[in-house]
Amino acid sequence: EEAVFDPTDVKIGKGKVATKGSTVTVDYVGKLVNDKEFDSTYKTKKPVTFKLGAGDVLKAIDLGVTGMREGGIRRLRLPPAIAFGARGNQARAVPPNMVVLYVVELKKVAKAKR
């Protein structure tokens, strides 16, 4: 499995654009390349809100959500270097040096407060 960051739009949203510094709310599903799901906000019914570009989430999620529009869905293929790295994530059953896949749905964009 080649380790390349590869964001692909599944659905282009029609709402506000997510830019660095915006506060965004997303739903997502995280899977291993063998299709084994390791995380999902749809199952917990708890979307995640974070400031884009602040380092609050995996670097690849910051990169992948930037430029999306509200209502959009993007598939992200994350190489280990910008995902869980050589350590993996035992709590989520992600092995070391694993390419992971996320499908992210951008629910809301709130512009940065000055």
PDB file of N, CA and C in Angstrom:
ATOM      1  N   GLU A   1       0.858  -1.188   0.000  1.00  0.00           N
ATOM      2  CA  GLU A   1       0.000   0.000   0.000  1.00  0.00           C
ATOM      3  C   GLU A   1       0.891   1.234   0.000  1.00  0.00           C
ATOM      4  N   GLU A   2       0.853   1.991  -1.070  1.00  0.00           N
ATOM      5  CA  GLU A   2       1.695   3.177  -1.195  1.00  0.00           C
ATOM      6  C   GLU A   2       1.252   4.256  -0.208  1.00  0.00           C
ATOM      7  N   ALA A   3       2.219   4.900   0.427  1.00  0.00           N
ATOM      8  CA  ALA A   3       1.926   5.889   1.463  1.00  0.00           C
ATOM      9  C   ALA A   3       1.865   7.293   0.866  1.00  0.00           C
ATOM     10  N   VAL A   4       0.724   7.639   0.280  1.00  0.00           N
ATOM     11  CA  VAL A   4       0.533   8.949  -0.349  1.00  0.00           C
ATOM     12  C   VAL A   4      -0.736   9.580   0.210  1.00  0.00           C
ATOM     13  N   PHE A   5      -0.657  10.867   0.572  1.00  0.00           N
ATOM     14  CA  PHE A   5      -1.848  11.601   1.006  1.00  0.00           C
ATOM     15  C   PHE A   5      -2.692  11.869  -0.224  1.00  0.00           C
ATOM     16  N   ASP A   6      -3.953  11.456  -0.200  1.00  0.00           N
ATOM     17  CA  ASP A   6      -4.778  11.536  -1.400  1.00  0.00           C
ATOM     18  C   ASP A   6      -6.217  11.898  -1.047  1.00  0.00           C
ATOM     19  N   PRO A   7      -6.521  13.221  -0.918  1.00  0.00           N
ATOM     20  CA  PRO A   7      -7.910  13.606  -0.649  1.00  0.00           C
ATOM     21  C   PRO A   7      -8.746  13.560  -1.932  1.00  0.00           C
ATOM     22  N   THR A   8      -9.944  12.984  -1.841  1.00  0.00           N
ATOM     23  CA  THR A   8     -10.833  12.867  -2.992  1.00  0.00           C
ATOM     24  C   THR A   8     -12.228  13.319  -2.585  1.00  0.00           C
ATOM     25  N   ASP A   9     -12.787  14.269  -3.322  1.00  0.00           N
ATOM     26  CA  ASP A   9     -14.147  14.716  -3.016  1.00  0.00           C
ATOM     27  C   ASP A   9     -15.152  13.661  -3.466  1.00  0.00           C
ATOM     28  N   VAL A  10     -16.022  13.267  -2.537  1.00  0.00           N
ATOM     29  CA  VAL A  10     -17.110  12.344  -2.827  1.00  0.00           C
ATOM     30  C   VAL A  10     -18.341  13.172  -3.175  1.00  0.00           C
ATOM     31  N   LYS A  11     -18.505  14.286  -2.456  1.00  0.00           N
ATOM     32  CA  LYS A  11     -19.626  15.202  -2.680  1.00  0.00           C
ATOM     33  C   LYS A  11     -19.113  16.615  -2.405  1.00  0.00           C
ATOM     34  N   ILE A  12     -19.360  17.537  -3.328  1.00  0.00           N
ATOM     35  CA  ILE A  12     -18.984  18.933  -3.142  1.00  0.00           C
ATOM     36  C   ILE A  12     -20.114  19.630  -2.394  1.00  0.00           C
ATOM     37  N   GLY A  13     -19.777  20.262  -1.272  1.00  0.00           N
ATOM     38  CA  GLY A  13     -20.782  20.982  -0.501  1.00  0.00           C
ATOM     39  C   GLY A  13     -21.140  22.309  -1.141  1.00  0.00           C
ATOM     40  N   LYS A  14     -22.179  22.946  -0.630  1.00  0.00           N
ATOM     41  CA  LYS A  14     -22.650  24.222  -1.174  1.00  0.00           C
ATOM     42  C   LYS A  14     -22.529  25.358  -0.157  1.00  0.00           C
ATOM     43  N   GLY A  15     -22.088  25.041   1.056  1.00  0.00           N
ATOM     44  CA  GLY A  15     -22.030  26.039   2.120  1.00  0.00           C
ATOM     45  C   GLY A  15     -20.707  26.778   2.187  1.00  0.00           C
ATOM     46  N   LYS A  16     -20.421  27.336   3.369  1.00  0.00           N
ATOM     47  CA  LYS A  16     -19.202  28.110   3.597  1.00  0.00           C
ATOM     48  C   LYS A  16     -17.957  27.243   3.430  1.00  0.00           C
ATOM     49  N   VAL A  17     -16.855  27.877   3.024  1.00  0.00           N
ATOM     50  CA  VAL A  17     -15.583  27.188   2.820  1.00  0.00           C
ATOM     51  C   VAL A  17     -14.797  27.143   4.128  1.00  0.00           C
ATOM     52  N   ALA A  18     -14.223  25.992   4.428  1.00  0.00           N
ATOM     53  CA  ALA A  18     -13.376  25.817   5.613  1.00  0.00           C
ATOM     54  C   ALA A  18     -11.971  26.340   5.301  1.00  0.00           C
ATOM     55  N   THR A  19     -11.536  27.339   6.064  1.00  0.00           N
ATOM     56  CA  THR A  19     -10.208  27.916   5.879  1.00  0.00           C
ATOM     57  C   THR A  19      -9.449  27.846   7.194  1.00  0.00           C
ATOM     58  N   LYS A  20      -8.132  27.956   7.121  1.00  0.00           N
ATOM     59  CA  LYS A  20      -7.311  27.909   8.322  1.00  0.00           C
ATOM     60  C   LYS A  20      -7.798  28.953   9.318  1.00  0.00           C
ATOM     61  N   GLY A  21      -7.975  28.536  10.565  1.00  0.00           N
ATOM     62  CA  GLY A  21      -8.478  29.434  11.599  1.00  0.00           C
ATOM     63  C   GLY A  21      -9.975  29.326  11.831  1.00  0.00           C
ATOM     64  N   SER A  22     -10.698  28.740  10.866  1.00  0.00           N
ATOM     65  CA  SER A  22     -12.138  28.521  11.042  1.00  0.00           C
ATOM     66  C   SER A  22     -12.358  27.437  12.092  1.00  0.00           C
ATOM     67  N   THR A  23     -13.486  27.510  12.778  1.00  0.00           N
ATOM     68  CA  THR A  23     -13.893  26.418  13.655  1.00  0.00           C
ATOM     69  C   THR A  23     -14.849  25.564  12.841  1.00  0.00           C
ATOM     70  N   VAL A  24     -14.522  24.276  12.717  1.00  0.00           N
ATOM     71  CA  VAL A  24     -15.318  23.380  11.880  1.00  0.00           C
ATOM     72  C   VAL A  24     -15.899  22.248  12.715  1.00  0.00           C
ATOM     73  N   THR A  25     -17.036  21.744  12.272  1.00  0.00           N
ATOM     74  CA  THR A  25     -17.660  20.576  12.888  1.00  0.00           C
ATOM     75  C   THR A  25     -17.775  19.511  11.812  1.00  0.00           C
ATOM     76  N   VAL A  26     -17.254  18.310  12.114  1.00  0.00           N
ATOM     77  CA  VAL A  26     -17.249  17.229  11.136  1.00  0.00           C
ATOM     78  C   VAL A  26     -17.781  15.929  11.741  1.00  0.00           C
ATOM     79  N   ASP A  27     -18.324  15.096  10.881  1.00  0.00           N
ATOM     80  CA  ASP A  27     -18.577  13.697  11.188  1.00  0.00           C
ATOM     81  C   ASP A  27     -17.586  12.913  10.352  1.00  0.00           C
ATOM     82  N   TYR A  28     -17.165  11.742  10.842  1.00  0.00           N
ATOM     83  CA  TYR A  28     -16.196  10.953  10.082  1.00  0.00           C
ATOM     84  C   TYR A  28     -16.278   9.477  10.426  1.00  0.00           C
ATOM     85  N   VAL A  29     -15.725   8.689   9.519  1.00  0.00           N
ATOM     86  CA  VAL A  29     -15.503   7.263   9.741  1.00  0.00           C
ATOM     87  C   VAL A  29     -14.026   7.026   9.436  1.00  0.00           C
ATOM     88  N   GLY A  30     -13.325   6.339  10.350  1.00  0.00           N
ATOM     89  CA  GLY A  30     -11.938   5.969  10.136  1.00  0.00           C
ATOM     90  C   GLY A  30     -11.832   4.469   9.952  1.00  0.00           C
ATOM     91  N   LYS A  31     -11.098   4.050   8.888  1.00  0.00           N
ATOM     92  CA  LYS A  31     -10.946   2.618   8.599  1.00  0.00           C
ATOM     93  C   LYS A  31      -9.493   2.310   8.275  1.00  0.00           C
ATOM     94  N   LEU A  32      -9.126   1.066   8.511  1.00  0.00           N
ATOM     95  CA  LEU A  32      -7.837   0.569   8.042  1.00  0.00           C
ATOM     96  C   LEU A  32      -7.986   0.208   6.565  1.00  0.00           C
ATOM     97  N   VAL A  33      -6.871   0.013   5.877  1.00  0.00           N
ATOM     98  CA  VAL A  33      -6.956  -0.319   4.449  1.00  0.00           C
ATOM     99  C   VAL A  33      -7.633  -1.662   4.195  1.00  0.00           C
ATOM    100  N   ASN A  34      -7.725  -2.524   5.216  1.00  0.00           N
ATOM    101  CA  ASN A  34      -8.441  -3.799   5.062  1.00  0.00           C
ATOM    102  C   ASN A  34      -9.944  -3.621   5.319  1.00  0.00           C
ATOM    103  N   ASP A  35     -10.391  -2.367   5.425  1.00  0.00           N
ATOM    104  CA  ASP A  35     -11.800  -1.989   5.601  1.00  0.00           C
ATOM    105  C   ASP A  35     -12.305  -2.164   7.030  1.00  0.00           C
ATOM    106  N   LYS A  36     -11.408  -2.469   7.976  1.00  0.00           N
ATOM    107  CA  LYS A  36     -11.820  -2.602   9.380  1.00  0.00           C
ATOM    108  C   LYS A  36     -11.986  -1.207   9.986  1.00  0.00           C
ATOM    109  N   GLU A  37     -13.199  -0.910  10.444  1.00  0.00           N
ATOM    110  CA  GLU A  37     -13.491   0.395  11.032  1.00  0.00           C
ATOM    111  C   GLU A  37     -12.881   0.498  12.430  1.00  0.00           C
ATOM    112  N   PHE A  38     -12.201   1.631  12.712  1.00  0.00           N
ATOM    113  CA  PHE A  38     -11.627   1.821  14.044  1.00  0.00           C
ATOM    114  C   PHE A  38     -12.198   3.019  14.779  1.00  0.00           C
ATOM    115  N   ASP A  39     -12.959   3.858  14.092  1.00  0.00           N
ATOM    116  CA  ASP A  39     -13.542   5.029  14.747  1.00  0.00           C
ATOM    117  C   ASP A  39     -14.674   5.584  13.886  1.00  0.00           C
ATOM    118  N   SER A  40     -15.720   6.105  14.525  1.00  0.00           N
ATOM    119  CA  SER A  40     -16.831   6.695  13.787  1.00  0.00           C
ATOM    120  C   SER A  40     -17.647   7.614  14.684  1.00  0.00           C
ATOM    121  N   THR A  41     -17.775   8.874  14.265  1.00  0.00           N
ATOM    122  CA  THR A  41     -18.641   9.798  15.008  1.00  0.00           C
ATOM    123  C   THR A  41     -20.111   9.510  14.710  1.00  0.00           C
ATOM    124  N   TYR A  42     -20.373   8.826  13.602  1.00  0.00           N
ATOM    125  CA  TYR A  42     -21.759   8.458  13.293  1.00  0.00           C
ATOM    126  C   TYR A  42     -22.276   7.465  14.335  1.00  0.00           C
ATOM    127  N   LYS A  43     -21.410   6.541  14.772  1.00  0.00           N
ATOM    128  CA  LYS A  43     -21.814   5.554  15.780  1.00  0.00           C
ATOM    129  C   LYS A  43     -21.994   6.200  17.151  1.00  0.00           C
ATOM    130  N   THR A  44     -21.103   7.145  17.500  1.00  0.00           N
ATOM    131  CA  THR A  44     -21.200   7.792  18.809  1.00  0.00           C
ATOM    132  C   THR A  44     -22.230   8.922  18.811  1.00  0.00           C
ATOM    133  N   LYS A  45     -22.634   9.337  17.608  1.00  0.00           N
ATOM    134  CA  LYS A  45     -23.560  10.469  17.436  1.00  0.00           C
ATOM    135  C   LYS A  45     -22.992  11.749  18.049  1.00  0.00           C
ATOM    136  N   LYS A  46     -21.650  11.877  17.995  1.00  0.00           N
ATOM    137  CA  LYS A  46     -20.973  13.051  18.536  1.00  0.00           C
ATOM    138  C   LYS A  46     -19.995  13.611  17.506  1.00  0.00           C
ATOM    139  N   PRO A  47     -20.472  14.529  16.631  1.00  0.00           N
ATOM    140  CA  PRO A  47     -19.555  15.160  15.688  1.00  0.00           C
ATOM    141  C   PRO A  47     -18.422  15.860  16.446  1.00  0.00           C
ATOM    142  N   VAL A  48     -17.310  16.063  15.778  1.00  0.00           N
ATOM    143  CA  VAL A  48     -16.134  16.679  16.387  1.00  0.00           C
ATOM    144  C   VAL A  48     -16.002  18.116  15.893  1.00  0.00           C
ATOM    145  N   THR A  49     -15.753  19.037  16.824  1.00  0.00           N
ATOM    146  CA  THR A  49     -15.541  20.443  16.484  1.00  0.00           C
ATOM    147  C   THR A  49     -14.109  20.807  16.847  1.00  0.00           C
ATOM    148  N   PHE A  50     -13.410  21.478  15.915  1.00  0.00           N
ATOM    149  CA  PHE A  50     -12.024  21.876  16.159  1.00  0.00           C
ATOM    150  C   PHE A  50     -11.667  23.088  15.319  1.00  0.00           C
ATOM    151  N   LYS A  51     -10.599  23.766  15.718  1.00  0.00           N
ATOM    152  CA  LYS A  51     -10.096  24.920  14.978  1.00  0.00           C
ATOM    153  C   LYS A  51      -9.139  24.414  13.900  1.00  0.00           C
ATOM    154  N   LEU A  52      -9.440  24.738  12.661  1.00  0.00           N
ATOM    155  CA  LEU A  52      -8.670  24.248  11.530  1.00  0.00           C
ATOM    156  C   LEU A  52      -7.262  24.846  11.529  1.00  0.00           C
ATOM    157  N   GLY A  53      -6.267  23.979  11.439  1.00  0.00           N
ATOM    158  CA  GLY A  53      -4.878  24.416  11.378  1.00  0.00           C
ATOM    159  C   GLY A  53      -4.231  24.624  12.728  1.00  0.00           C
ATOM    160  N   ALA A  54      -4.945  24.339  13.822  1.00  0.00           N
ATOM    161  CA  ALA A  54      -4.406  24.581  15.170  1.00  0.00           C
ATOM    162  C   ALA A  54      -3.693  23.358  15.740  1.00  0.00           C
ATOM    163  N   GLY A  55      -3.711  22.238  15.011  1.00  0.00           N
ATOM    164  CA  GLY A  55      -3.055  21.033  15.507  1.00  0.00           C
ATOM    165  C   GLY A  55      -3.888  20.255  16.506  1.00  0.00           C
ATOM    166  N   ASP A  56      -5.196  20.503  16.537  1.00  0.00           N
ATOM    167  CA  ASP A  56      -6.089  19.816  17.478  1.00  0.00           C
ATOM    168  C   ASP A  56      -6.420  18.388  17.035  1.00  0.00           C
ATOM    169  N   VAL A  57      -6.212  18.102  15.743  1.00  0.00           N
ATOM    170  CA  VAL A  57      -6.503  16.784  15.171  1.00  0.00           C
ATOM    171  C   VAL A  57      -5.286  16.322  14.376  1.00  0.00           C
ATOM    172  N   LEU A  58      -5.343  15.122  13.822  1.00  0.00           N
ATOM    173  CA  LEU A  58      -4.255  14.648  12.962  1.00  0.00           C
ATOM    174  C   LEU A  58      -3.970  15.678  11.876  1.00  0.00           C
ATOM    175  N   LYS A  59      -2.691  15.880  11.579  1.00  0.00           N
ATOM    176  CA  LYS A  59      -2.294  16.856  10.560  1.00  0.00           C
ATOM    177  C   LYS A  59      -3.039  16.620   9.241  1.00  0.00           C
ATOM    178  N   ALA A  60      -3.194  15.352   8.875  1.00  0.00           N
ATOM    179  CA  ALA A  60      -3.858  15.024   7.617  1.00  0.00           C
ATOM    180  C   ALA A  60      -5.340  15.421   7.618  1.00  0.00           C
ATOM    181  N   ILE A  61      -5.975  15.392   8.777  1.00  0.00           N
ATOM    182  CA  ILE A  61      -7.379  15.830   8.860  1.00  0.00           C
ATOM    183  C   ILE A  61      -7.439  17.335   8.652  1.00  0.00           C
ATOM    184  N   ASP A  62      -6.530  18.078   9.312  1.00  0.00           N
ATOM    185  CA  ASP A  62      -6.434  19.530   9.066  1.00  0.00           C
ATOM    186  C   ASP A  62      -6.271  19.805   7.569  1.00  0.00           C
ATOM    187  N   LEU A  63      -5.317  19.128   6.938  1.00  0.00           N
ATOM    188  CA  LEU A  63      -5.046  19.338   5.514  1.00  0.00           C
ATOM    189  C   LEU A  63      -6.241  18.934   4.662  1.00  0.00           C
ATOM    190  N   GLY A  64      -6.858  17.811   5.008  1.00  0.00           N
ATOM    191  CA  GLY A  64      -7.944  17.281   4.194  1.00  0.00           C
ATOM    192  C   GLY A  64      -9.233  18.069   4.276  1.00  0.00           C
ATOM    193  N   VAL A  65      -9.501  18.695   5.408  1.00  0.00           N
ATOM    194  CA  VAL A  65     -10.749  19.455   5.579  1.00  0.00           C
ATOM    195  C   VAL A  65     -10.604  20.870   4.994  1.00  0.00           C
ATOM    196  N   THR A  66      -9.375  21.401   4.986  1.00  0.00           N
ATOM    197  CA  THR A  66      -9.138  22.740   4.444  1.00  0.00           C
ATOM    198  C   THR A  66      -9.616  22.808   2.993  1.00  0.00           C
ATOM    199  N   GLY A  67     -10.439  23.803   2.702  1.00  0.00           N
ATOM    200  CA  GLY A  67     -10.958  23.994   1.348  1.00  0.00           C
ATOM    201  C   GLY A  67     -12.288  23.319   1.082  1.00  0.00           C
ATOM    202  N   MET A  68     -12.734  22.463   2.001  1.00  0.00           N
ATOM    203  CA  MET A  68     -14.054  21.837   1.834  1.00  0.00           C
ATOM    204  C   MET A  68     -15.145  22.877   2.055  1.00  0.00           C
ATOM    205  N   ARG A  69     -16.324  22.595   1.510  1.00  0.00           N
ATOM    206  CA  ARG A  69     -17.504  23.426   1.765  1.00  0.00           C
ATOM    207  C   ARG A  69     -18.467  22.663   2.662  1.00  0.00           C
ATOM    208  N   GLU A  70     -19.228  23.415   3.468  1.00  0.00           N
ATOM    209  CA  GLU A  70     -20.259  22.794   4.306  1.00  0.00           C
ATOM    210  C   GLU A  70     -21.128  21.873   3.452  1.00  0.00           C
ATOM    211  N   GLY A  71     -21.416  20.702   3.997  1.00  0.00           N
ATOM    212  CA  GLY A  71     -22.220  19.732   3.266  1.00  0.00           C
ATOM    213  C   GLY A  71     -21.389  18.797   2.412  1.00  0.00           C
ATOM    214  N   GLY A  72     -20.105  19.089   2.272  1.00  0.00           N
ATOM    215  CA  GLY A  72     -19.227  18.260   1.452  1.00  0.00           C
ATOM    216  C   GLY A  72     -18.770  17.007   2.176  1.00  0.00           C
ATOM    217  N   ILE A  73     -18.394  16.015   1.387  1.00  0.00           N
ATOM    218  CA  ILE A  73     -17.846  14.761   1.906  1.00  0.00           C
ATOM    219  C   ILE A  73     -16.551  14.492   1.152  1.00  0.00           C
ATOM    220  N   ARG A  74     -15.500  14.205   1.896  1.00  0.00           N
ATOM    221  CA  ARG A  74     -14.192  13.964   1.284  1.00  0.00           C
ATOM    222  C   ARG A  74     -13.594  12.687   1.846  1.00  0.00           C
ATOM    223  N   ARG A  75     -13.025  11.883   0.944  1.00  0.00           N
ATOM    224  CA  ARG A  75     -12.308  10.659   1.333  1.00  0.00           C
ATOM    225  C   ARG A  75     -10.829  11.017   1.444  1.00  0.00           C
ATOM    226  N   LEU A  76     -10.227  10.660   2.585  1.00  0.00           N
ATOM    227  CA  LEU A  76      -8.817  10.962   2.828  1.00  0.00           C
ATOM    228  C   LEU A  76      -8.045   9.663   3.005  1.00  0.00           C
ATOM    229  N   ARG A  77      -6.938   9.561   2.298  1.00  0.00           N
ATOM    230  CA  ARG A  77      -6.032   8.409   2.430  1.00  0.00           C
ATOM    231  C   ARG A  77      -4.780   8.929   3.109  1.00  0.00           C
ATOM    232  N   LEU A  78      -4.540   8.487   4.335  1.00  0.00           N
ATOM    233  CA  LEU A  78      -3.486   9.067   5.165  1.00  0.00           C
ATOM    234  C   LEU A  78      -2.302   8.119   5.325  1.00  0.00           C
ATOM    235  N   PRO A  79      -1.127   8.538   4.838  1.00  0.00           N
ATOM    236  CA  PRO A  79       0.074   7.751   5.096  1.00  0.00           C
ATOM    237  C   PRO A  79       0.460   7.882   6.572  1.00  0.00           C
ATOM    238  N   PRO A  80       1.199   6.921   7.098  1.00  0.00           N
ATOM    239  CA  PRO A  80       1.554   6.929   8.523  1.00  0.00           C
ATOM    240  C   PRO A  80       2.213   8.223   8.992  1.00  0.00           C
ATOM    241  N   ALA A  81       3.009   8.850   8.145  1.00  0.00           N
ATOM    242  CA  ALA A  81       3.742  10.059   8.542  1.00  0.00           C
ATOM    243  C   ALA A  81       2.822  11.184   8.995  1.00  0.00           C
ATOM    244  N   ILE A  82       1.596  11.234   8.465  1.00  0.00           N
ATOM    245  CA  ILE A  82       0.661  12.293   8.871  1.00  0.00           C
ATOM    246  C   ILE A  82      -0.606  11.694   9.491  1.00  0.00           C
ATOM    247  N   ALA A  83      -0.497  10.429   9.901  1.00  0.00           N
ATOM    248  CA  ALA A  83      -1.605   9.775  10.607  1.00  0.00           C
ATOM    249  C   ALA A  83      -1.102   9.353  11.987  1.00  0.00           C
ATOM    250  N   PHE A  84      -1.003   8.056  12.234  1.00  0.00           N
ATOM    251  CA  PHE A  84      -0.632   7.567  13.559  1.00  0.00           C
ATOM    252  C   PHE A  84       0.830   7.140  13.677  1.00  0.00           C
ATOM    253  N   GLY A  85       1.572   7.187  12.557  1.00  0.00           N
ATOM    254  CA  GLY A  85       3.016   6.975  12.574  1.00  0.00           C
ATOM    255  C   GLY A  85       3.476   5.593  13.000  1.00  0.00           C
ATOM    256  N   ALA A  86       4.738   5.547  13.434  1.00  0.00           N
ATOM    257  CA  ALA A  86       5.382   4.285  13.806  1.00  0.00           C
ATOM    258  C   ALA A  86       4.788   3.691  15.084  1.00  0.00           C
ATOM    259  N   ARG A  87       4.131   4.521  15.879  1.00  0.00           N
ATOM    260  CA  ARG A  87       3.546   4.035  17.131  1.00  0.00           C
ATOM    261  C   ARG A  87       2.152   3.452  16.940  1.00  0.00           C
ATOM    262  N   GLY A  88       1.471   3.858  15.876  1.00  0.00           N
ATOM    263  CA  GLY A  88       0.090   3.425  15.697  1.00  0.00           C
ATOM    264  C   GLY A  88      -0.788   4.037  16.779  1.00  0.00           C
ATOM    265  N   ASN A  89      -1.920   3.433  17.030  1.00  0.00           N
ATOM    266  CA  ASN A  89      -2.822   3.897  18.080  1.00  0.00           C
ATOM    267  C   ASN A  89      -3.493   2.675  18.686  1.00  0.00           C
ATOM    268  N   GLN A  90      -2.932   2.190  19.791  1.00  0.00           N
ATOM    269  CA  GLN A  90      -3.446   0.966  20.410  1.00  0.00           C
ATOM    270  C   GLN A  90      -4.882   1.110  20.871  1.00  0.00           C
ATOM    271  N   ALA A  91      -5.242   2.277  21.373  1.00  0.00           N
ATOM    272  CA  ALA A  91      -6.610   2.492  21.864  1.00  0.00           C
ATOM    273  C   ALA A  91      -7.631   2.295  20.746  1.00  0.00           C
ATOM    274  N   ARG A  92      -7.230   2.603  19.524  1.00  0.00           N
ATOM    275  CA  ARG A  92      -8.136   2.467  18.379  1.00  0.00           C
ATOM    276  C   ARG A  92      -7.813   1.249  17.514  1.00  0.00           C
ATOM    277  N   ALA A  93      -6.891   0.417  17.957  1.00  0.00           N
ATOM    278  CA  ALA A  93      -6.497  -0.794  17.229  1.00  0.00           C
ATOM    279  C   ALA A  93      -5.919  -0.479  15.851  1.00  0.00           C
ATOM    280  N   VAL A  94      -5.148   0.601  15.769  1.00  0.00           N
ATOM    281  CA  VAL A  94      -4.451   0.950  14.529  1.00  0.00           C
ATOM    282  C   VAL A  94      -2.994   0.495  14.680  1.00  0.00           C
ATOM    283  N   PRO A  95      -2.564  -0.481  13.858  1.00  0.00           N
ATOM    284  CA  PRO A  95      -1.189  -0.969  13.955  1.00  0.00           C
ATOM    285  C   PRO A  95      -0.164   0.104  13.573  1.00  0.00           C
ATOM    286  N   PRO A  96       1.096  -0.080  13.990  1.00  0.00           N
ATOM    287  CA  PRO A  96       2.161   0.853  13.596  1.00  0.00           C
ATOM    288  C   PRO A  96       2.318   0.914  12.071  1.00  0.00           C
ATOM    289  N   ASN A  97       2.736   2.087  11.591  1.00  0.00           N
ATOM    290  CA  ASN A  97       3.046   2.304  10.163  1.00  0.00           C
ATOM    291  C   ASN A  97       1.908   1.913   9.221  1.00  0.00           C
ATOM    292  N   MET A  98       0.689   2.183   9.630  1.00  0.00           N
ATOM    293  CA  MET A  98      -0.482   1.786   8.847  1.00  0.00           C
ATOM    294  C   MET A  98      -1.069   2.977   8.078  1.00  0.00           C
ATOM    295  N   VAL A  99      -1.357   2.765   6.791  1.00  0.00           N
ATOM    296  CA  VAL A  99      -2.120   3.734   6.015  1.00  0.00           C
ATOM    297  C   VAL A  99      -3.563   3.623   6.508  1.00  0.00           C
ATOM    298  N   VAL A 100      -4.200   4.771   6.788  1.00  0.00           N
ATOM    299  CA  VAL A 100      -5.594   4.745   7.231  1.00  0.00           C
ATOM    300  C   VAL A 100      -6.451   5.584   6.293  1.00  0.00           C
ATOM    301  N   LEU A 101      -7.716   5.274   6.272  1.00  0.00           N
ATOM    302  CA  LEU A 101      -8.680   5.950   5.410  1.00  0.00           C
ATOM    303  C   LEU A 101      -9.739   6.631   6.269  1.00  0.00           C
ATOM    304  N   TYR A 102     -10.044   7.867   5.943  1.00  0.00           N
ATOM    305  CA  TYR A 102     -11.136   8.572   6.615  1.00  0.00           C
ATOM    306  C   TYR A 102     -12.106   9.063   5.559  1.00  0.00           C
ATOM    307  N   VAL A 103     -13.382   9.023   5.885  1.00  0.00           N
ATOM    308  CA  VAL A 103     -14.399   9.713   5.106  1.00  0.00           C
ATOM    309  C   VAL A 103     -14.940  10.786   6.038  1.00  0.00           C
ATOM    310  N   VAL A 104     -14.759  12.043   5.634  1.00  0.00           N
ATOM    311  CA  VAL A 104     -15.099  13.194   6.479  1.00  0.00           C
ATOM    312  C   VAL A 104     -16.240  13.974   5.845  1.00  0.00           C
ATOM    313  N   GLU A 105     -17.259  14.287   6.647  1.00  0.00           N
ATOM    314  CA  GLU A 105     -18.379  15.116   6.198  1.00  0.00           C
ATOM    315  C   GLU A 105     -18.327  16.432   6.968  1.00  0.00           C
ATOM    316  N   LEU A 106     -18.223  17.539   6.238  1.00  0.00           N
ATOM    317  CA  LEU A 106     -18.158  18.862   6.869  1.00  0.00           C
ATOM    318  C   LEU A 106     -19.568  19.353   7.155  1.00  0.00           C
ATOM    319  N   LYS A 107     -19.896  19.437   8.447  1.00  0.00           N
ATOM    320  CA  LYS A 107     -21.240  19.820   8.872  1.00  0.00           C
ATOM    321  C   LYS A 107     -21.413  21.337   9.006  1.00  0.00           C
ATOM    322  N   LYS A 108     -20.360  21.997   9.564  1.00  0.00           N
ATOM    323  CA  LYS A 108     -20.509  23.423   9.869  1.00  0.00           C
ATOM    324  C   LYS A 108     -19.155  24.117   9.840  1.00  0.00           C
ATOM    325  N   VAL A 109     -19.166  25.369   9.377  1.00  0.00           N
ATOM    326  CA  VAL A 109     -17.975  26.233   9.407  1.00  0.00           C
ATOM    327  C   VAL A 109     -18.348  27.512  10.137  1.00  0.00           C
ATOM    328  N   ALA A 110     -17.592  27.849  11.166  1.00  0.00           N
ATOM    329  CA  ALA A 110     -17.759  29.136  11.858  1.00  0.00           C
ATOM    330  C   ALA A 110     -16.466  29.908  11.629  1.00  0.00           C
ATOM    331  N   LYS A 111     -16.577  31.098  11.118  1.00  0.00           N
ATOM    332  CA  LYS A 111     -15.384  31.893  10.814  1.00  0.00           C
ATOM    333  C   LYS A 111     -14.618  32.220  12.075  1.00  0.00           C
ATOM    334  N   ALA A 112     -13.317  32.384  11.911  1.00  0.00           N
ATOM    335  CA  ALA A 112     -12.435  32.708  13.041  1.00  0.00           C
ATOM    336  C   ALA A 112     -12.833  34.042  13.644  1.00  0.00           C
ATOM    337  N   LYS A 113     -12.806  34.101  14.965  1.00  0.00           N
ATOM    338  CA  LYS A 113     -13.077  35.366  15.660  1.00  0.00           C
ATOM    339  C   LYS A 113     -11.792  36.165  15.717  1.00  0.00           C
ATOM    340  N   ARG A 114     -11.883  37.444  15.476  1.00  0.00           N
ATOM    341  CA  ARG A 114     -10.677  38.306  15.474  1.00  0.00           C
ATOM    342  C   ARG A 114     -10.530  38.983  16.815  1.00  0.00           C
TER     343      ARG A 114
END
